[in-house]
Amino acid sequence: MIYSVDVQVTAPVYDTEVTDRVADAIVAIFPGADPEFAHGELTATVHDLEHFSELLYRQQILDTARDIFFENRRGDTFSFQLKKAAAFEGVVNFVVDEPGELGAITVRVRVEDPDVEEYIDHVAPPTEEGEPIDT
C-alpha cells in the first residue's frame, strides 16, 4: 500500500548547542530529512516513517508508540516529541513529561491517505504479548 503523509520535524537550537549536531539527531531518526535552520530552530519535512518504524520494532516499543500516537491524535494528524540526546544516538526516546533543558524534537504527522488509524497500525502495529499481530 502507498501512504500519503507529511511529517513536519522541528527542533529548537539553543546557544549551548551545535546546530549540526541537532541536525544529525534529526537525520538519525528521519534519514530522508534535510534540516534547515531559521529563527533559532531546525525544520525538516519527510514523507514516510519507515526508518522510524524499524527503530520502534528494534527497540520493542510498539505499544508505547501506539499509546503516544493515539493520545496525541487530532483529526488527520498525530504528534509526539523525542529527546534530542537519544535521537543523536539513533534511539527513539519519547518525551512524556518535560522536554528537558535542551527542548525536544517535535514531530507532527498529517495523514492524507489512508486514515490516521490505519497509518498508525502500519508504523506501530498492535501487539499481543509483545509481538505484532496481523490486523
Protein backbone atom coordinates (compact mmCIF):
# COMPACT_ATOMS: atom_id res chain seq x y z
CA MET A 1 0.00 0.00 0.00
CA ILE A 2 1.16 3.53 -0.72
CA TYR A 3 0.76 6.03 2.09
CA SER A 4 0.44 9.78 1.66
CA VAL A 5 1.83 11.55 4.74
CA ASP A 6 3.58 14.79 5.55
CA VAL A 7 5.90 14.66 8.54
CA GLN A 8 6.99 18.04 9.96
CA VAL A 9 10.03 17.85 12.22
CA THR A 10 11.14 20.86 14.29
CA ALA A 11 13.77 21.29 16.98
CA PRO A 12 14.98 24.39 18.81
CA VAL A 13 18.71 25.05 18.70
CA TYR A 14 19.98 26.77 21.81
CA ASP A 15 23.15 28.84 22.14
CA THR A 16 24.81 25.99 24.01
CA GLU A 17 24.21 23.55 21.14
CA VAL A 18 25.94 22.94 17.84
CA THR A 19 23.39 23.25 15.03
CA ASP A 20 24.95 20.40 13.03
CA ARG A 21 24.63 18.02 15.99
CA VAL A 22 20.93 18.79 16.36
CA ALA A 23 20.55 18.28 12.59
CA ASP A 24 22.40 14.95 12.90
CA ALA A 25 19.95 13.90 15.64
CA ILE A 26 17.01 14.59 13.32
CA VAL A 27 18.61 12.72 10.40
CA ALA A 28 19.48 9.74 12.64
CA ILE A 29 15.77 9.15 13.24
CA PHE A 30 14.44 10.50 9.92
CA PRO A 31 17.15 9.72 7.31
CA GLY A 32 15.30 11.46 4.47
CA ALA A 33 15.25 14.77 6.35
CA ASP A 34 17.18 17.81 5.15
CA PRO A 35 17.00 20.14 8.18
CA GLU A 36 17.10 23.88 7.53
CA PHE A 37 17.99 26.44 10.18
CA ALA A 38 15.94 29.60 10.65
CA HIS A 39 14.85 31.70 13.62
CA GLY A 40 16.60 29.56 16.23
CA GLU A 41 15.23 26.21 15.12
CA LEU A 42 15.73 23.46 12.60
CA THR A 43 12.82 22.30 10.46
CA ALA A 44 12.50 19.43 8.02
CA THR A 45 9.80 17.58 6.12
CA VAL A 46 9.77 13.90 5.26
CA HIS A 47 7.08 11.75 3.68
CA ASP A 48 7.42 8.42 5.43
CA LEU A 49 8.20 6.93 8.82
CA GLU A 50 9.72 3.65 7.61
CA HIS A 51 13.07 4.02 9.40
CA PHE A 52 11.33 5.36 12.49
CA SER A 53 9.02 2.32 12.44
CA GLU A 54 12.05 -0.01 12.15
CA LEU A 55 13.51 1.63 15.26
CA LEU A 56 10.25 1.06 17.15
CA TYR A 57 10.36 -2.64 16.24
CA ARG A 58 14.07 -2.94 17.09
CA GLN A 59 13.62 -1.23 20.46
CA GLN A 60 10.44 -3.22 21.13
CA ILE A 61 8.41 -0.11 21.99
CA LEU A 62 5.46 -0.52 19.63
CA ASP A 63 2.87 -0.37 22.43
CA THR A 64 4.41 2.78 23.91
CA ALA A 65 4.47 4.43 20.49
CA ARG A 66 0.84 3.48 19.77
CA ASP A 67 -0.29 4.91 23.11
CA ILE A 68 1.51 8.19 22.45
CA PHE A 69 0.27 8.44 18.85
CA PHE A 70 -3.38 7.84 19.78
CA GLU A 71 -3.14 10.11 22.83
CA ASN A 72 -1.88 12.94 20.62
CA ARG A 73 -4.20 12.38 17.68
CA ARG A 74 -6.24 15.32 16.41
CA GLY A 75 -8.29 14.74 13.27
CA ASP A 76 -5.98 13.67 10.46
CA THR A 77 -2.79 14.32 12.46
CA PHE A 78 -0.84 12.90 15.36
CA SER A 79 2.21 14.30 17.07
CA PHE A 80 4.94 13.36 19.51
CA GLN A 81 8.20 14.63 20.94
CA LEU A 82 11.58 12.93 21.10
CA LYS A 83 14.58 13.56 23.31
CA LYS A 84 17.42 15.12 21.33
CA ALA A 85 20.31 13.29 23.03
CA ALA A 86 18.78 9.86 22.42
CA ALA A 87 17.93 10.77 18.81
CA PHE A 88 21.57 11.72 18.19
CA GLU A 89 22.41 8.09 19.06
CA GLY A 90 19.69 6.81 16.71
CA VAL A 91 17.45 5.84 19.62
CA VAL A 92 13.75 6.68 19.96
CA ASN A 93 13.04 8.07 23.42
CA PHE A 94 9.67 9.79 23.74
CA VAL A 95 9.25 12.88 25.90
CA VAL A 96 6.49 12.08 28.35
CA ASP A 97 6.63 14.94 30.84
CA GLU A 98 9.02 17.85 30.40
CA PRO A 99 11.28 18.03 27.35
CA GLY A 100 14.28 18.97 29.48
CA GLU A 101 16.63 21.90 29.22
CA LEU A 102 17.56 21.25 25.57
CA GLY A 103 14.00 21.10 24.40
CA ALA A 104 12.76 18.31 22.18
CA ILE A 105 12.39 17.26 18.60
CA THR A 106 8.71 17.80 17.81
CA VAL A 107 7.13 15.65 15.12
CA ARG A 108 3.72 16.31 13.56
CA VAL A 109 2.35 13.72 11.12
CA ARG A 110 -0.52 14.62 8.81
CA VAL A 111 -2.05 11.62 7.07
CA GLU A 112 -3.84 12.15 3.77
CA ASP A 113 -4.26 8.54 2.74
CA PRO A 114 -5.31 6.14 4.23
CA ASP A 115 -6.75 7.31 7.54
CA VAL A 116 -4.76 8.09 10.69
CA GLU A 117 -5.63 4.86 12.50
CA GLU A 118 -4.58 2.70 9.56
CA TYR A 119 -1.28 4.57 9.24
CA ILE A 120 -0.57 4.23 12.97
CA ASP A 121 -1.26 0.49 12.60
CA HIS A 122 1.34 0.43 9.82
CA VAL A 123 4.02 2.32 11.77
CA ALA A 124 3.36 0.71 15.17
CA PRO A 125 1.02 -2.27 14.84
CA PRO A 126 -0.94 -3.62 17.77
CA THR A 127 0.85 -6.35 19.70
CA GLU A 128 -0.05 -9.38 21.72
CA GLU A 129 2.44 -10.39 24.40
CA GLY A 130 4.94 -8.02 22.79
CA GLU A 131 4.66 -9.48 19.27
CA PRO A 132 2.98 -7.60 16.41
CA ILE A 133 -0.32 -9.15 15.35
CA ASP A 134 -1.83 -9.02 11.91
CA THR A 135 -4.80 -6.68 11.82
